[in-house]
Amino acid sequence: RNKRVSLMNWLSSAELEEFINTYPYRTYFFLLMTPLFLV
């Protein structure tokens, strides 16, 4: 339960959101290439 709460705190942190929003093209490229990467 403590690990889940800390994970959710990390997922809702401003640093992680800022990092993903800083690199939008890389993020969307990774999401689009995920079906191929699953090989």
Full PDB file with SEQRES, HELIX, SHEET, SSBOND, CRYST1, ORIGX, SCALE, CONECT and MASTER records, all heavy atoms in Angstrom:
SEQRES   1 A   39  ARG ASN LYS ARG VAL SER LEU MET ASN TRP LEU SER SER          
SEQRES   2 A   39  ALA GLU LEU GLU GLU PHE ILE ASN THR TYR PRO TYR ARG          
SEQRES   3 A   39  THR TYR PHE PHE LEU LEU MET THR PRO LEU PHE LEU VAL          
HELIX    1 AA1 ASN A    2  LEU A   11  1                                  10    
HELIX    2 AA2 ALA A   14  THR A   22  1                                   9    
HELIX    3 AA3 PRO A   24  PHE A   37  1                                  14    
CRYST1    1.000    1.000    1.000  90.00  90.00  90.00 P 1           1          
ORIGX1      1.000000  0.000000  0.000000        0.00000                         
ORIGX2      0.000000  1.000000  0.000000        0.00000                         
ORIGX3      0.000000  0.000000  1.000000        0.00000                         
SCALE1      1.000000  0.000000  0.000000        0.00000                         
SCALE2      0.000000  1.000000  0.000000        0.00000                         
SCALE3      0.000000  0.000000  1.000000        0.00000                         
ATOM      1  N   ARG A   1       0.837  -1.203   0.000  1.00  0.00           N  
ATOM      2  CA  ARG A   1       0.000   0.000   0.000  1.00  0.00           C  
ATOM      3  C   ARG A   1       0.873   1.254   0.000  1.00  0.00           C  
ATOM      4  O   ARG A   1       0.598   2.216  -0.727  1.00  0.00           O  
ATOM      5  CB  ARG A   1      -0.922  -0.006   1.213  1.00  0.00           C  
ATOM      6  CG  ARG A   1      -1.951   1.104   1.179  1.00  0.00           C  
ATOM      7  CD  ARG A   1      -2.912   1.065   2.353  1.00  0.00           C  
ATOM      8  NE  ARG A   1      -3.577  -0.230   2.434  1.00  0.00           N  
ATOM      9  CZ  ARG A   1      -3.646  -0.973   3.531  1.00  0.00           C  
ATOM     10  NH1 ARG A   1      -3.090  -0.572   4.652  1.00  0.00           N  
ATOM     11  NH2 ARG A   1      -4.264  -2.139   3.520  1.00  0.00           N  
ATOM     12  N   ASN A   2       1.948   1.251   0.792  1.00  0.00           N  
ATOM     13  CA  ASN A   2       2.861   2.394   0.823  1.00  0.00           C  
ATOM     14  C   ASN A   2       3.560   2.583  -0.516  1.00  0.00           C  
ATOM     15  O   ASN A   2       3.733   3.723  -0.976  1.00  0.00           O  
ATOM     16  CB  ASN A   2       3.905   2.213   1.927  1.00  0.00           C  
ATOM     17  CG  ASN A   2       3.301   2.298   3.303  1.00  0.00           C  
ATOM     18  OD1 ASN A   2       2.225   2.861   3.499  1.00  0.00           O  
ATOM     19  ND2 ASN A   2       3.987   1.725   4.286  1.00  0.00           N  
ATOM     20  N   LYS A   3       3.954   1.482  -1.159  1.00  0.00           N  
ATOM     21  CA  LYS A   3       4.606   1.585  -2.463  1.00  0.00           C  
ATOM     22  C   LYS A   3       3.639   2.101  -3.527  1.00  0.00           C  
ATOM     23  O   LYS A   3       4.021   2.881  -4.400  1.00  0.00           O  
ATOM     24  CB  LYS A   3       5.175   0.230  -2.899  1.00  0.00           C  
ATOM     25  CG  LYS A   3       6.317  -0.229  -2.066  1.00  0.00           C  
ATOM     26  CD  LYS A   3       7.454   0.762  -2.124  1.00  0.00           C  
ATOM     27  CE  LYS A   3       8.581   0.363  -1.212  1.00  0.00           C  
ATOM     28  NZ  LYS A   3       9.616   1.376  -1.124  1.00  0.00           N  
ATOM     29  N   ARG A   4       2.387   1.691  -3.458  1.00  0.00           N  
ATOM     30  CA  ARG A   4       1.391   2.174  -4.420  1.00  0.00           C  
ATOM     31  C   ARG A   4       1.143   3.662  -4.233  1.00  0.00           C  
ATOM     32  O   ARG A   4       1.047   4.416  -5.199  1.00  0.00           O  
ATOM     33  CB  ARG A   4       0.091   1.403  -4.273  1.00  0.00           C  
ATOM     34  CG  ARG A   4      -0.938   1.804  -5.317  1.00  0.00           C  
ATOM     35  CD  ARG A   4      -2.241   1.032  -5.149  1.00  0.00           C  
ATOM     36  NE  ARG A   4      -3.180   1.312  -6.193  1.00  0.00           N  
ATOM     37  CZ  ARG A   4      -3.878   2.430  -6.322  1.00  0.00           C  
ATOM     38  NH1 ARG A   4      -3.722   3.397  -5.462  1.00  0.00           N  
ATOM     39  NH2 ARG A   4      -4.719   2.590  -7.316  1.00  0.00           N  
ATOM     40  N   VAL A   5       1.053   4.114  -2.995  1.00  0.00           N  
ATOM     41  CA  VAL A   5       0.840   5.535  -2.721  1.00  0.00           C  
ATOM     42  C   VAL A   5       2.032   6.352  -3.214  1.00  0.00           C  
ATOM     43  O   VAL A   5       1.860   7.406  -3.836  1.00  0.00           O  
ATOM     44  CB  VAL A   5       0.589   5.758  -1.212  1.00  0.00           C  
ATOM     45  CG1 VAL A   5       0.682   7.228  -0.844  1.00  0.00           C  
ATOM     46  CG2 VAL A   5      -0.768   5.208  -0.824  1.00  0.00           C  
ATOM     47  N   SER A   6       3.250   5.859  -2.987  1.00  0.00           N  
ATOM     48  CA  SER A   6       4.427   6.599  -3.458  1.00  0.00           C  
ATOM     49  C   SER A   6       4.498   6.612  -4.986  1.00  0.00           C  
ATOM     50  O   SER A   6       4.897   7.614  -5.577  1.00  0.00           O  
ATOM     51  CB  SER A   6       5.702   6.020  -2.858  1.00  0.00           C  
ATOM     52  OG  SER A   6       5.903   4.708  -3.298  1.00  0.00           O  
ATOM     53  N   LEU A   7       4.090   5.519  -5.645  1.00  0.00           N  
ATOM     54  CA  LEU A   7       4.048   5.503  -7.102  1.00  0.00           C  
ATOM     55  C   LEU A   7       3.037   6.502  -7.634  1.00  0.00           C  
ATOM     56  O   LEU A   7       3.320   7.245  -8.580  1.00  0.00           O  
ATOM     57  CB  LEU A   7       3.723   4.098  -7.616  1.00  0.00           C  
ATOM     58  CG  LEU A   7       3.532   3.976  -9.129  1.00  0.00           C  
ATOM     59  CD1 LEU A   7       4.848   4.191  -9.849  1.00  0.00           C  
ATOM     60  CD2 LEU A   7       2.928   2.641  -9.489  1.00  0.00           C  
ATOM     61  N   MET A   8       1.867   6.555  -7.021  1.00  0.00           N  
ATOM     62  CA  MET A   8       0.850   7.508  -7.481  1.00  0.00           C  
ATOM     63  C   MET A   8       1.292   8.946  -7.226  1.00  0.00           C  
ATOM     64  O   MET A   8       0.993   9.839  -8.030  1.00  0.00           O  
ATOM     65  CB  MET A   8      -0.489   7.222  -6.809  1.00  0.00           C  
ATOM     66  CG  MET A   8      -1.105   5.881  -7.215  1.00  0.00           C  
ATOM     67  SD  MET A   8      -1.190   5.606  -8.979  1.00  0.00           S  
ATOM     68  CE  MET A   8      -2.464   6.732  -9.445  1.00  0.00           C  
ATOM     69  N   ASN A   9       2.000   9.194  -6.129  1.00  0.00           N  
ATOM     70  CA  ASN A   9       2.547  10.533  -5.883  1.00  0.00           C  
ATOM     71  C   ASN A   9       3.575  10.901  -6.939  1.00  0.00           C  
ATOM     72  O   ASN A   9       3.622  12.044  -7.407  1.00  0.00           O  
ATOM     73  CB  ASN A   9       3.171  10.618  -4.488  1.00  0.00           C  
ATOM     74  CG  ASN A   9       2.138  10.658  -3.401  1.00  0.00           C  
ATOM     75  OD1 ASN A   9       0.984  11.009  -3.621  1.00  0.00           O  
ATOM     76  ND2 ASN A   9       2.545  10.267  -2.202  1.00  0.00           N  
ATOM     77  N   TRP A  10       4.406   9.934  -7.322  1.00  0.00           N  
ATOM     78  CA  TRP A  10       5.402  10.202  -8.354  1.00  0.00           C  
ATOM     79  C   TRP A  10       4.732  10.434  -9.706  1.00  0.00           C  
ATOM     80  O   TRP A  10       5.143  11.309 -10.460  1.00  0.00           O  
ATOM     81  CB  TRP A  10       6.378   9.031  -8.430  1.00  0.00           C  
ATOM     82  CG  TRP A  10       7.401   9.189  -9.500  1.00  0.00           C  
ATOM     83  CD1 TRP A  10       8.448  10.055  -9.502  1.00  0.00           C  
ATOM     84  CD2 TRP A  10       7.456   8.483 -10.731  1.00  0.00           C  
ATOM     85  NE1 TRP A  10       9.178   9.916 -10.661  1.00  0.00           N  
ATOM     86  CE2 TRP A  10       8.590   8.958 -11.429  1.00  0.00           C  
ATOM     87  CE3 TRP A  10       6.679   7.485 -11.304  1.00  0.00           C  
ATOM     88  CZ2 TRP A  10       8.941   8.469 -12.672  1.00  0.00           C  
ATOM     89  CZ3 TRP A  10       7.042   7.007 -12.542  1.00  0.00           C  
ATOM     90  CH2 TRP A  10       8.157   7.496 -13.215  1.00  0.00           C  
ATOM     91  N   LEU A  11       3.696   9.645 -10.014  1.00  0.00           N  
ATOM     92  CA  LEU A  11       3.003   9.818 -11.297  1.00  0.00           C  
ATOM     93  C   LEU A  11       2.276  11.151 -11.384  1.00  0.00           C  
ATOM     94  O   LEU A  11       2.099  11.700 -12.461  1.00  0.00           O  
ATOM     95  CB  LEU A  11       2.014   8.674 -11.520  1.00  0.00           C  
ATOM     96  CG  LEU A  11       2.615   7.331 -11.918  1.00  0.00           C  
ATOM     97  CD1 LEU A  11       1.527   6.286 -12.024  1.00  0.00           C  
ATOM     98  CD2 LEU A  11       3.396   7.434 -13.201  1.00  0.00           C  
ATOM     99  N   SER A  12       1.819  11.666 -10.268  1.00  0.00           N  
ATOM    100  CA  SER A  12       1.104  12.948 -10.290  1.00  0.00           C  
ATOM    101  C   SER A  12       2.025  14.125  -9.990  1.00  0.00           C  
ATOM    102  O   SER A  12       1.549  15.239  -9.826  1.00  0.00           O  
ATOM    103  CB  SER A  12      -0.054  12.914  -9.291  1.00  0.00           C  
ATOM    104  OG  SER A  12       0.445  12.712  -7.985  1.00  0.00           O  
ATOM    105  N   SER A  13       3.332  13.894  -9.956  1.00  0.00           N  
ATOM    106  CA  SER A  13       4.264  14.977  -9.655  1.00  0.00           C  
ATOM    107  C   SER A  13       4.407  15.912 -10.848  1.00  0.00           C  
ATOM    108  O   SER A  13       4.225  15.535 -12.000  1.00  0.00           O  
ATOM    109  CB  SER A  13       5.633  14.420  -9.263  1.00  0.00           C  
ATOM    110  OG  SER A  13       6.240  13.810 -10.375  1.00  0.00           O  
ATOM    111  N   ALA A  14       4.757  17.139 -10.538  1.00  0.00           N  
ATOM    112  CA  ALA A  14       4.917  18.152 -11.581  1.00  0.00           C  
ATOM    113  C   ALA A  14       6.170  17.896 -12.411  1.00  0.00           C  
ATOM    114  O   ALA A  14       6.203  18.225 -13.597  1.00  0.00           O  
ATOM    115  CB  ALA A  14       4.986  19.535 -10.947  1.00  0.00           C  
ATOM    116  N   GLU A  15       7.196  17.307 -11.810  1.00  0.00           N  
ATOM    117  CA  GLU A  15       8.442  17.059 -12.541  1.00  0.00           C  
ATOM    118  C   GLU A  15       8.239  16.071 -13.682  1.00  0.00           C  
ATOM    119  O   GLU A  15       8.739  16.275 -14.783  1.00  0.00           O  
ATOM    120  CB  GLU A  15       9.531  16.528 -11.597  1.00  0.00           C  
ATOM    121  CG  GLU A  15      10.020  17.525 -10.589  1.00  0.00           C  
ATOM    122  CD  GLU A  15       9.173  17.548  -9.335  1.00  0.00           C  
ATOM    123  OE1 GLU A  15       8.330  16.645  -9.170  1.00  0.00           O  
ATOM    124  OE2 GLU A  15       9.335  18.468  -8.538  1.00  0.00           O  
ATOM    125  N   LEU A  16       7.514  14.995 -13.415  1.00  0.00           N  
ATOM    126  CA  LEU A  16       7.281  13.996 -14.456  1.00  0.00           C  
ATOM    127  C   LEU A  16       6.414  14.569 -15.577  1.00  0.00           C  
ATOM    128  O   LEU A  16       6.693  14.357 -16.761  1.00  0.00           O  
ATOM    129  CB  LEU A  16       6.626  12.754 -13.861  1.00  0.00           C  
ATOM    130  CG  LEU A  16       6.462  11.572 -14.796  1.00  0.00           C  
ATOM    131  CD1 LEU A  16       7.813  11.081 -15.284  1.00  0.00           C  
ATOM    132  CD2 LEU A  16       5.718  10.459 -14.110  1.00  0.00           C  
ATOM    133  N   GLU A  17       5.394  15.305 -15.209  1.00  0.00           N  
ATOM    134  CA  GLU A  17       4.535  15.914 -16.223  1.00  0.00           C  
ATOM    135  C   GLU A  17       5.302  16.953 -17.037  1.00  0.00           C  
ATOM    136  O   GLU A  17       5.138  17.042 -18.261  1.00  0.00           O  
ATOM    137  CB  GLU A  17       3.323  16.561 -15.553  1.00  0.00           C  
ATOM    138  CG  GLU A  17       2.282  17.022 -16.530  1.00  0.00           C  
ATOM    139  CD  GLU A  17       0.985  17.392 -15.836  1.00  0.00           C  
ATOM    140  OE1 GLU A  17       0.842  17.149 -14.635  1.00  0.00           O  
ATOM    141  OE2 GLU A  17       0.114  17.927 -16.539  1.00  0.00           O  
ATOM    142  N   GLU A  18       6.163  17.711 -16.376  1.00  0.00           N  
ATOM    143  CA  GLU A  18       6.975  18.694 -17.087  1.00  0.00           C  
ATOM    144  C   GLU A  18       7.947  18.022 -18.049  1.00  0.00           C  
ATOM    145  O   GLU A  18       8.148  18.481 -19.171  1.00  0.00           O  
ATOM    146  CB  GLU A  18       7.746  19.539 -16.079  1.00  0.00           C  
ATOM    147  CG  GLU A  18       8.651  20.578 -16.703  1.00  0.00           C  
ATOM    148  CD  GLU A  18       9.462  21.311 -15.655  1.00  0.00           C  
ATOM    149  OE1 GLU A  18       9.079  21.308 -14.480  1.00  0.00           O  
ATOM    150  OE2 GLU A  18      10.497  21.876 -16.039  1.00  0.00           O  
ATOM    151  N   PHE A  19       8.534  16.900 -17.625  1.00  0.00           N  
ATOM    152  CA  PHE A  19       9.453  16.173 -18.491  1.00  0.00           C  
ATOM    153  C   PHE A  19       8.747  15.659 -19.741  1.00  0.00           C  
ATOM    154  O   PHE A  19       9.262  15.784 -20.856  1.00  0.00           O  
ATOM    155  CB  PHE A  19      10.083  15.007 -17.725  1.00  0.00           C  
ATOM    156  CG  PHE A  19      10.983  14.162 -18.567  1.00  0.00           C  
ATOM    157  CD1 PHE A  19      12.260  14.595 -18.880  1.00  0.00           C  
ATOM    158  CD2 PHE A  19      10.547  12.945 -19.069  1.00  0.00           C  
ATOM    159  CE1 PHE A  19      13.103  13.819 -19.657  1.00  0.00           C  
ATOM    160  CE2 PHE A  19      11.382  12.166 -19.851  1.00  0.00           C  
ATOM    161  CZ  PHE A  19      12.660  12.608 -20.148  1.00  0.00           C  
ATOM    162  N   ILE A  20       7.564  15.080 -19.568  1.00  0.00           N  
ATOM    163  CA  ILE A  20       6.836  14.542 -20.719  1.00  0.00           C  
ATOM    164  C   ILE A  20       6.327  15.661 -21.612  1.00  0.00           C  
ATOM    165  O   ILE A  20       6.339  15.538 -22.847  1.00  0.00           O  
ATOM    166  CB  ILE A  20       5.699  13.616 -20.241  1.00  0.00           C  
ATOM    167  CG1 ILE A  20       6.318  12.332 -19.690  1.00  0.00           C  
ATOM    168  CG2 ILE A  20       4.718  13.300 -21.354  1.00  0.00           C  
ATOM    169  CD1 ILE A  20       5.339  11.358 -19.131  1.00  0.00           C  
ATOM    170  N   ASN A  21       5.919  16.776 -21.019  1.00  0.00           N  
ATOM    171  CA  ASN A  21       5.450  17.897 -21.830  1.00  0.00           C  
ATOM    172  C   ASN A  21       6.593  18.666 -22.482  1.00  0.00           C  
ATOM    173  O   ASN A  21       6.367  19.376 -23.458  1.00  0.00           O  
ATOM    174  CB  ASN A  21       4.602  18.838 -20.985  1.00  0.00           C  
ATOM    175  CG  ASN A  21       3.277  18.211 -20.612  1.00  0.00           C  
ATOM    176  OD1 ASN A  21       2.760  17.368 -21.345  1.00  0.00           O  
ATOM    177  ND2 ASN A  21       2.730  18.586 -19.481  1.00  0.00           N  
ATOM    178  N   THR A  22       7.815  18.527 -21.976  1.00  0.00           N  
ATOM    179  CA  THR A  22       8.966  19.185 -22.583  1.00  0.00           C  
ATOM    180  C   THR A  22       9.336  18.529 -23.909  1.00  0.00           C  
ATOM    181  O   THR A  22       9.787  19.198 -24.834  1.00  0.00           O  
ATOM    182  CB  THR A  22      10.179  19.136 -21.625  1.00  0.00           C  
ATOM    183  OG1 THR A  22       9.812  19.751 -20.397  1.00  0.00           O  
ATOM    184  CG2 THR A  22      11.371  19.852 -22.198  1.00  0.00           C  
ATOM    185  N   TYR A  23       9.134  17.228 -23.994  1.00  0.00           N  
ATOM    186  CA  TYR A  23       9.488  16.474 -25.200  1.00  0.00           C  
ATOM    187  C   TYR A  23       8.241  15.847 -25.822  1.00  0.00           C  
ATOM    188  O   TYR A  23       8.092  14.633 -25.843  1.00  0.00           O  
ATOM    189  CB  TYR A  23      10.501  15.379 -24.861  1.00  0.00           C  
ATOM    190  CG  TYR A  23      11.741  15.904 -24.197  1.00  0.00           C  
ATOM    191  CD1 TYR A  23      11.949  15.726 -22.834  1.00  0.00           C  
ATOM    192  CD2 TYR A  23      12.688  16.584 -24.929  1.00  0.00           C  
ATOM    193  CE1 TYR A  23      13.085  16.212 -22.219  1.00  0.00           C  
ATOM    194  CE2 TYR A  23      13.827  17.079 -24.327  1.00  0.00           C  
ATOM    195  CZ  TYR A  23      14.026  16.889 -22.972  1.00  0.00           C  
ATOM    196  OH  TYR A  23      15.150  17.373 -22.368  1.00  0.00           O  
ATOM    197  N   PRO A  24       7.318  16.659 -26.375  1.00  0.00           N  
ATOM    198  CA  PRO A  24       6.066  16.076 -26.892  1.00  0.00           C  
ATOM    199  C   PRO A  24       6.271  15.219 -28.137  1.00  0.00           C  
ATOM    200  O   PRO A  24       5.614  14.194 -28.288  1.00  0.00           O  
ATOM    201  CB  PRO A  24       5.201  17.295 -27.195  1.00  0.00           C  
ATOM    202  CG  PRO A  24       6.169  18.403 -27.427  1.00  0.00           C  
ATOM    203  CD  PRO A  24       7.353  18.103 -26.546  1.00  0.00           C  
ATOM    204  N   TYR A  25       7.188  15.619 -29.030  1.00  0.00           N  
ATOM    205  CA  TYR A  25       7.380  14.845 -30.253  1.00  0.00           C  
ATOM    206  C   TYR A  25       7.990  13.485 -29.957  1.00  0.00           C  
ATOM    207  O   TYR A  25       7.591  12.478 -30.533  1.00  0.00           O  
ATOM    208  CB  TYR A  25       8.250  15.620 -31.251  1.00  0.00           C  
ATOM    209  CG  TYR A  25       7.598  16.899 -31.708  1.00  0.00           C  
ATOM    210  CD1 TYR A  25       8.188  18.125 -31.461  1.00  0.00           C  
ATOM    211  CD2 TYR A  25       6.372  16.876 -32.370  1.00  0.00           C  
ATOM    212  CE1 TYR A  25       7.586  19.298 -31.872  1.00  0.00           C  
ATOM    213  CE2 TYR A  25       5.756  18.034 -32.782  1.00  0.00           C  
ATOM    214  CZ  TYR A  25       6.365  19.254 -32.525  1.00  0.00           C  
ATOM    215  OH  TYR A  25       5.764  20.403 -32.917  1.00  0.00           O  
ATOM    216  N   ARG A  26       8.951  13.452 -29.047  1.00  0.00           N  
ATOM    217  CA  ARG A  26       9.553  12.176 -28.669  1.00  0.00           C  
ATOM    218  C   ARG A  26       8.528  11.277 -27.982  1.00  0.00           C  
ATOM    219  O   ARG A  26       8.513  10.066 -28.187  1.00  0.00           O  
ATOM    220  CB  ARG A  26      10.741  12.410 -27.735  1.00  0.00           C  
ATOM    221  CG  ARG A  26      11.887  13.086 -28.408  1.00  0.00           C  
ATOM    222  CD  ARG A  26      13.005  13.333 -27.436  1.00  0.00           C  
ATOM    223  NE  ARG A  26      14.047  14.135 -28.052  1.00  0.00           N  
ATOM    224  CZ  ARG A  26      15.060  14.617 -27.404  1.00  0.00           C  
ATOM    225  NH1 ARG A  26      15.199  14.386 -26.111  1.00  0.00           N  
ATOM    226  NH2 ARG A  26      15.966  15.336 -28.020  1.00  0.00           N  
ATOM    227  N   THR A  27       7.685  11.883 -27.185  1.00  0.00           N  
ATOM    228  CA  THR A  27       6.659  11.119 -26.475  1.00  0.00           C  
ATOM    229  C   THR A  27       5.675  10.487 -27.448  1.00  0.00           C  
ATOM    230  O   THR A  27       5.389   9.290 -27.372  1.00  0.00           O  
ATOM    231  CB  THR A  27       5.910  12.029 -25.493  1.00  0.00           C  
ATOM    232  OG1 THR A  27       6.834  12.582 -24.570  1.00  0.00           O  
ATOM    233  CG2 THR A  27       4.836  11.274 -24.750  1.00  0.00           C  
ATOM    234  N   TYR A  28       5.165  11.290 -28.376  1.00  0.00           N  
ATOM    235  CA  TYR A  28       4.209  10.751 -29.340  1.00  0.00           C  
ATOM    236  C   TYR A  28       4.875   9.759 -30.292  1.00  0.00           C  
ATOM    237  O   TYR A  28       4.253   8.786 -30.708  1.00  0.00           O  
ATOM    238  CB  TYR A  28       3.527  11.879 -30.117  1.00  0.00           C  
ATOM    239  CG  TYR A  28       2.527  12.622 -29.283  1.00  0.00           C  
ATOM    240  CD1 TYR A  28       2.627  13.988 -29.093  1.00  0.00           C  
ATOM    241  CD2 TYR A  28       1.475  11.950 -28.655  1.00  0.00           C  
ATOM    242  CE1 TYR A  28       1.709  14.665 -28.315  1.00  0.00           C  
ATOM    243  CE2 TYR A  28       0.561  12.622 -27.880  1.00  0.00           C  
ATOM    244  CZ  TYR A  28       0.686  13.978 -27.713  1.00  0.00           C  
ATOM    245  OH  TYR A  28      -0.220  14.640 -26.941  1.00  0.00           O  
ATOM    246  N   PHE A  29       6.140   9.983 -30.640  1.00  0.00           N  
ATOM    247  CA  PHE A  29       6.857   9.031 -31.481  1.00  0.00           C  
ATOM    248  C   PHE A  29       6.991   7.691 -30.771  1.00  0.00           C  
ATOM    249  O   PHE A  29       6.779   6.636 -31.371  1.00  0.00           O  
ATOM    250  CB  PHE A  29       8.238   9.586 -31.855  1.00  0.00           C  
ATOM    251  CG  PHE A  29       9.050   8.649 -32.685  1.00  0.00           C  
ATOM    252  CD1 PHE A  29       8.744   8.469 -34.027  1.00  0.00           C  
ATOM    253  CD2 PHE A  29      10.105   7.943 -32.132  1.00  0.00           C  
ATOM    254  CE1 PHE A  29       9.490   7.598 -34.805  1.00  0.00           C  
ATOM    255  CE2 PHE A  29      10.848   7.071 -32.899  1.00  0.00           C  
ATOM    256  CZ  PHE A  29      10.553   6.902 -34.238  1.00  0.00           C  
ATOM    257  N   PHE A  30       7.325   7.730 -29.473  1.00  0.00           N  
ATOM    258  CA  PHE A  30       7.444   6.493 -28.708  1.00  0.00           C  
ATOM    259  C   PHE A  30       6.098   5.774 -28.631  1.00  0.00           C  
ATOM    260  O   PHE A  30       6.036   4.556 -28.768  1.00  0.00           O  
ATOM    261  CB  PHE A  30       7.973   6.793 -27.304  1.00  0.00           C  
ATOM    262  CG  PHE A  30       8.285   5.570 -26.502  1.00  0.00           C  
ATOM    263  CD1 PHE A  30       9.403   4.821 -26.781  1.00  0.00           C  
ATOM    264  CD2 PHE A  30       7.463   5.159 -25.474  1.00  0.00           C  
ATOM    265  CE1 PHE A  30       9.708   3.690 -26.058  1.00  0.00           C  
ATOM    266  CE2 PHE A  30       7.741   4.035 -24.741  1.00  0.00           C  
ATOM    267  CZ  PHE A  30       8.878   3.296 -25.031  1.00  0.00           C  
ATOM    268  N   LEU A  31       5.014   6.525 -28.433  1.00  0.00           N  
ATOM    269  CA  LEU A  31       3.690   5.896 -28.373  1.00  0.00           C  
ATOM    270  C   LEU A  31       3.289   5.299 -29.717  1.00  0.00           C  
ATOM    271  O   LEU A  31       2.674   4.236 -29.769  1.00  0.00           O  
ATOM    272  CB  LEU A  31       2.642   6.903 -27.919  1.00  0.00           C  
ATOM    273  CG  LEU A  31       2.633   7.250 -26.438  1.00  0.00           C  
ATOM    274  CD1 LEU A  31       1.581   8.323 -26.158  1.00  0.00           C  
ATOM    275  CD2 LEU A  31       2.380   6.033 -25.590  1.00  0.00           C  
ATOM    276  N   LEU A  32       3.623   5.977 -30.805  1.00  0.00           N  
ATOM    277  CA  LEU A  32       3.278   5.454 -32.128  1.00  0.00           C  
ATOM    278  C   LEU A  32       4.126   4.248 -32.512  1.00  0.00           C  
ATOM    279  O   LEU A  32       3.659   3.368 -33.236  1.00  0.00           O  
ATOM    280  CB  LEU A  32       3.441   6.549 -33.188  1.00  0.00           C  
ATOM    281  CG  LEU A  32       2.385   7.644 -33.169  1.00  0.00           C  
ATOM    282  CD1 LEU A  32       2.733   8.730 -34.189  1.00  0.00           C  
ATOM    283  CD2 LEU A  32       1.015   7.075 -33.461  1.00  0.00           C  
ATOM    284  N   MET A  33       5.353   4.190 -32.019  1.00  0.00           N  
ATOM    285  CA  MET A  33       6.236   3.081 -32.357  1.00  0.00           C  
ATOM    286  C   MET A  33       6.093   1.894 -31.407  1.00  0.00           C  
ATOM    287  O   MET A  33       6.659   0.834 -31.662  1.00  0.00           O  
ATOM    288  CB  MET A  33       7.688   3.555 -32.370  1.00  0.00           C  
ATOM    289  CG  MET A  33       7.988   4.553 -33.469  1.00  0.00           C  
ATOM    290  SD  MET A  33       7.609   3.931 -35.115  1.00  0.00           S  
ATOM    291  CE  MET A  33       8.884   2.732 -35.315  1.00  0.00           C  
ATOM    292  N   THR A  34       5.327   2.032 -30.340  1.00  0.00           N  
ATOM    293  CA  THR A  34       5.166   0.961 -29.364  1.00  0.00           C  
ATOM    294  C   THR A  34       4.644  -0.340 -29.993  1.00  0.00           C  
ATOM    295  O   THR A  34       5.141  -1.415 -29.653  1.00  0.00           O  
ATOM    296  CB  THR A  34       4.266   1.411 -28.202  1.00  0.00           C  
ATOM    297  OG1 THR A  34       4.934   2.466 -27.506  1.00  0.00           O  
ATOM    298  CG2 THR A  34       3.988   0.289 -27.239  1.00  0.00           C  
ATOM    299  N   PRO A  35       3.659  -0.308 -30.902  1.00  0.00           N  
ATOM    300  CA  PRO A  35       3.233  -1.580 -31.507  1.00  0.00           C  
ATOM    301  C   PRO A  35       4.361  -2.317 -32.229  1.00  0.00           C  
ATOM    302  O   PRO A  35       4.450  -3.540 -32.167  1.00  0.00           O  
ATOM    303  CB  PRO A  35       2.140  -1.168 -32.497  1.00  0.00           C  
ATOM    304  CG  PRO A  35       1.612   0.098 -31.957  1.00  0.00           C  
ATOM    305  CD  PRO A  35       2.774   0.782 -31.315  1.00  0.00           C  
ATOM    306  N   LEU A  36       5.248  -1.580 -32.864  1.00  0.00           N  
ATOM    307  CA  LEU A  36       6.386  -2.208 -33.516  1.00  0.00           C  
ATOM    308  C   LEU A  36       7.416  -2.670 -32.493  1.00  0.00           C  
ATOM    309  O   LEU A  36       8.006  -3.738 -32.623  1.00  0.00           O  
ATOM    310  CB  LEU A  36       7.027  -1.238 -34.507  1.00  0.00           C  
ATOM    311  CG  LEU A  36       8.182  -1.769 -35.334  1.00  0.00           C  
ATOM    312  CD1 LEU A  36       7.709  -2.911 -36.212  1.00  0.00           C  
ATOM    313  CD2 LEU A  36       8.772  -0.673 -36.164  1.00  0.00           C  
ATOM    314  N   PHE A  37       7.625  -1.864 -31.453  1.00  0.00           N  
ATOM    315  CA  PHE A  37       8.594  -2.213 -30.417  1.00  0.00           C  
ATOM    316  C   PHE A  37       8.161  -3.432 -29.607  1.00  0.00           C  
ATOM    317  O   PHE A  37       9.003  -4.091 -28.999  1.00  0.00           O  
ATOM    318  CB  PHE A  37       8.811  -1.052 -29.459  1.00  0.00           C  
ATOM    319  CG  PHE A  37       9.544   0.122 -30.053  1.00  0.00           C  
ATOM    320  CD1 PHE A  37       9.383   1.387 -29.527  1.00  0.00           C  
ATOM    321  CD2 PHE A  37      10.392  -0.033 -31.131  1.00  0.00           C  
ATOM    322  CE1 PHE A  37      10.052   2.470 -30.055  1.00  0.00           C  
ATOM    323  CE2 PHE A  37      11.069   1.040 -31.668  1.00  0.00           C  
ATOM    324  CZ  PHE A  37      10.898   2.295 -31.126  1.00  0.00           C  
ATOM    325  N   LEU A  38       6.880  -3.754 -29.581  1.00  0.00           N  
ATOM    326  CA  LEU A  38       6.417  -4.916 -28.819  1.00  0.00           C  
ATOM    327  C   LEU A  38       6.919  -6.233 -29.405  1.00  0.00           C  
ATOM    328  O   LEU A  38       6.838  -7.265 -28.749  1.00  0.00           O  
ATOM    329  CB  LEU A  38       4.887  -4.932 -28.759  1.00  0.00           C  
ATOM    330  CG  LEU A  38       4.259  -4.046 -27.701  1.00  0.00           C  
ATOM    331  CD1 LEU A  38       2.750  -4.074 -27.816  1.00  0.00           C  
ATOM    332  CD2 LEU A  38       4.675  -4.466 -26.316  1.00  0.00           C  
ATOM    333  N   VAL A  39       7.444  -6.186 -30.626  1.00  0.00           N  
ATOM    334  CA  VAL A  39       8.023  -7.378 -31.226  1.00  0.00           C  
ATOM    335  C   VAL A  39       9.203  -7.865 -30.392  1.00  0.00           C  
ATOM    336  O   VAL A  39       9.389  -9.068 -30.224  1.00  0.00           O  
ATOM    337  CB  VAL A  39       8.449  -7.044 -32.668  1.00  0.00           C  
ATOM    338  CG1 VAL A  39       9.801  -7.522 -33.035  1.00  0.00           C  
ATOM    339  CG2 VAL A  39       7.458  -7.588 -33.635  1.00  0.00           C  
TER     340      VAL A  39                                                      
MASTER        0    0    0    3    0    0    0    6  339    1    0    3          
END                                                                             
